[in-house]
């Protein structure tokens, strides 16, 4: 193979791997909310009025569409923190996101997420 063919093959492989890594992320489980004003794991200050969330492993800046399974309400949030650290929970949402999803009073709810 020539150098040109190797470059084309490497580009094709990178494109395929990139498509696999950006495949639709979906997860269902319990979510809670928090309203601290301390710094998040990403280094920015937590803003309870922003549409943000904490996830254990998704990259900071990832946007997720979150659906409350109990009432069908949805919101798009940006991952800017790590957590939740409670067994069985998949997401910690800002108070504003929880309000939009209609579960501030309950404290937690059942959700499904997918990349926005």
Protein backbone atom coordinates (compact mmCIF):
# COMPACT_ATOMS: atom_id res chain seq x y z
CA UNK A 1 0.00 0.00 0.00
CA UNK A 2 1.13 3.52 -0.70
CA UNK A 3 1.22 6.27 1.88
CA UNK A 4 -1.89 7.81 0.28
CA UNK A 5 -3.82 4.54 0.64
CA UNK A 6 -2.77 4.21 4.29
CA UNK A 7 -3.98 7.76 5.00
CA UNK A 8 -7.35 7.06 3.36
CA UNK A 9 -7.69 3.80 5.32
CA UNK A 10 -6.80 5.57 8.58
CA UNK A 11 -9.36 8.31 7.86
CA UNK A 12 -12.06 5.75 7.12
CA UNK A 13 -11.29 3.87 10.34
CA UNK A 14 -11.35 7.10 12.37
CA UNK A 15 -14.69 8.06 10.82
CA UNK A 16 -16.22 4.68 11.65
CA UNK A 17 -14.89 4.74 15.22
CA UNK A 18 -16.11 8.31 15.69
CA UNK A 19 -19.59 7.32 14.52
CA UNK A 20 -19.63 4.41 16.96
CA UNK A 21 -18.53 6.64 19.86
CA UNK A 22 -21.21 9.23 19.10
CA UNK A 23 -23.93 6.60 18.90
CA UNK A 24 -27.13 7.53 20.68
CA UNK A 25 -26.74 7.36 24.45
CA UNK A 26 -29.87 6.24 26.30
CA UNK A 27 -30.32 5.51 29.97
CA UNK A 28 -33.30 5.14 32.29
CA UNK A 29 -33.31 5.28 36.07
CA UNK A 30 -33.93 7.57 39.02
CA UNK A 31 -33.01 11.25 39.09
CA UNK A 32 -32.85 13.73 41.94
CA UNK A 33 -32.12 17.44 42.11
CA UNK A 34 -29.68 19.64 43.99
CA UNK A 35 -29.26 23.40 44.41
CA UNK A 36 -25.78 24.03 45.79
CA UNK A 37 -23.80 27.08 44.76
CA UNK A 38 -20.35 25.53 45.15
CA UNK A 39 -18.01 24.73 42.26
CA UNK A 40 -18.87 21.74 40.11
CA UNK A 41 -16.42 19.07 38.99
CA UNK A 42 -16.07 20.96 35.69
CA UNK A 43 -14.83 24.02 37.59
CA UNK A 44 -17.85 26.24 37.01
CA UNK A 45 -20.05 27.46 39.83
CA UNK A 46 -23.30 25.50 40.28
CA UNK A 47 -26.25 27.64 39.23
CA UNK A 48 -29.60 26.27 40.47
CA UNK A 49 -31.37 28.38 37.82
CA UNK A 50 -29.43 26.83 34.90
CA UNK A 51 -30.44 23.72 32.97
CA UNK A 52 -27.53 21.55 34.09
CA UNK A 53 -26.94 18.09 35.52
CA UNK A 54 -24.42 15.75 37.09
CA UNK A 55 -23.62 12.38 35.53
CA UNK A 56 -21.02 9.83 36.58
CA UNK A 57 -19.19 9.45 33.27
CA UNK A 58 -20.54 11.53 30.36
CA UNK A 59 -18.13 14.23 29.17
CA UNK A 60 -18.68 17.76 30.47
CA UNK A 61 -20.70 19.77 27.95
CA UNK A 62 -22.76 16.79 26.79
CA UNK A 63 -26.36 17.79 26.21
CA UNK A 64 -29.05 15.35 27.29
CA UNK A 65 -32.76 15.31 26.67
CA UNK A 66 -34.32 14.16 29.95
CA UNK A 67 -37.90 12.86 30.08
CA UNK A 68 -39.86 12.45 33.29
CA UNK A 69 -41.47 9.01 32.91
CA UNK A 70 -44.30 9.90 35.30
CA UNK A 71 -45.66 12.93 33.42
CA UNK A 72 -43.93 12.98 30.00
CA UNK A 73 -42.32 16.41 30.50
CA UNK A 74 -38.91 16.90 28.89
CA UNK A 75 -35.97 19.27 29.24
CA UNK A 76 -32.50 19.55 27.70
CA UNK A 77 -29.64 19.83 30.21
CA UNK A 78 -25.87 20.21 29.93
CA UNK A 79 -23.58 17.94 31.96
CA UNK A 80 -21.28 20.05 34.14
CA UNK A 81 -20.78 17.96 37.28
CA UNK A 82 -20.12 14.43 38.54
CA UNK A 83 -22.62 12.33 40.45
CA UNK A 84 -25.05 11.24 41.63
CA UNK A 85 -23.44 9.34 44.45
CA UNK A 86 -26.64 7.63 45.65
CA UNK A 87 -27.01 4.01 44.54
CA UNK A 88 -29.68 3.55 41.89
CA UNK A 89 -29.67 7.15 40.66
CA UNK A 90 -28.43 8.00 37.17
CA UNK A 91 -28.67 11.81 37.18
CA UNK A 92 -28.63 14.78 39.55
CA UNK A 93 -30.43 17.76 38.03
CA UNK A 94 -30.37 21.46 38.84
CA UNK A 95 -33.44 22.79 40.65
CA UNK A 96 -34.55 24.61 37.48
CA UNK A 97 -34.43 21.39 35.45
CA UNK A 98 -36.33 19.53 38.18
CA UNK A 99 -38.94 22.29 38.25
CA UNK A 100 -39.37 22.03 34.47
CA UNK A 101 -39.79 18.28 34.81
CA UNK A 102 -42.31 18.75 37.61
CA UNK A 103 -40.69 16.89 40.51
CA UNK A 104 -39.20 19.49 42.86
CA UNK A 105 -41.65 18.59 45.63
CA UNK A 106 -41.04 14.86 45.32
CA UNK A 107 -37.23 15.23 45.32
CA UNK A 108 -36.67 12.42 42.81
CA UNK A 109 -38.43 10.76 39.90
CA UNK A 110 -38.03 8.16 37.18
CA UNK A 111 -36.41 9.47 33.99
CA UNK A 112 -35.06 8.39 30.64
CA UNK A 113 -32.24 10.27 28.92
CA UNK A 114 -30.83 10.46 25.42
CA UNK A 115 -28.22 12.67 23.80
CA UNK A 116 -29.78 15.88 22.52
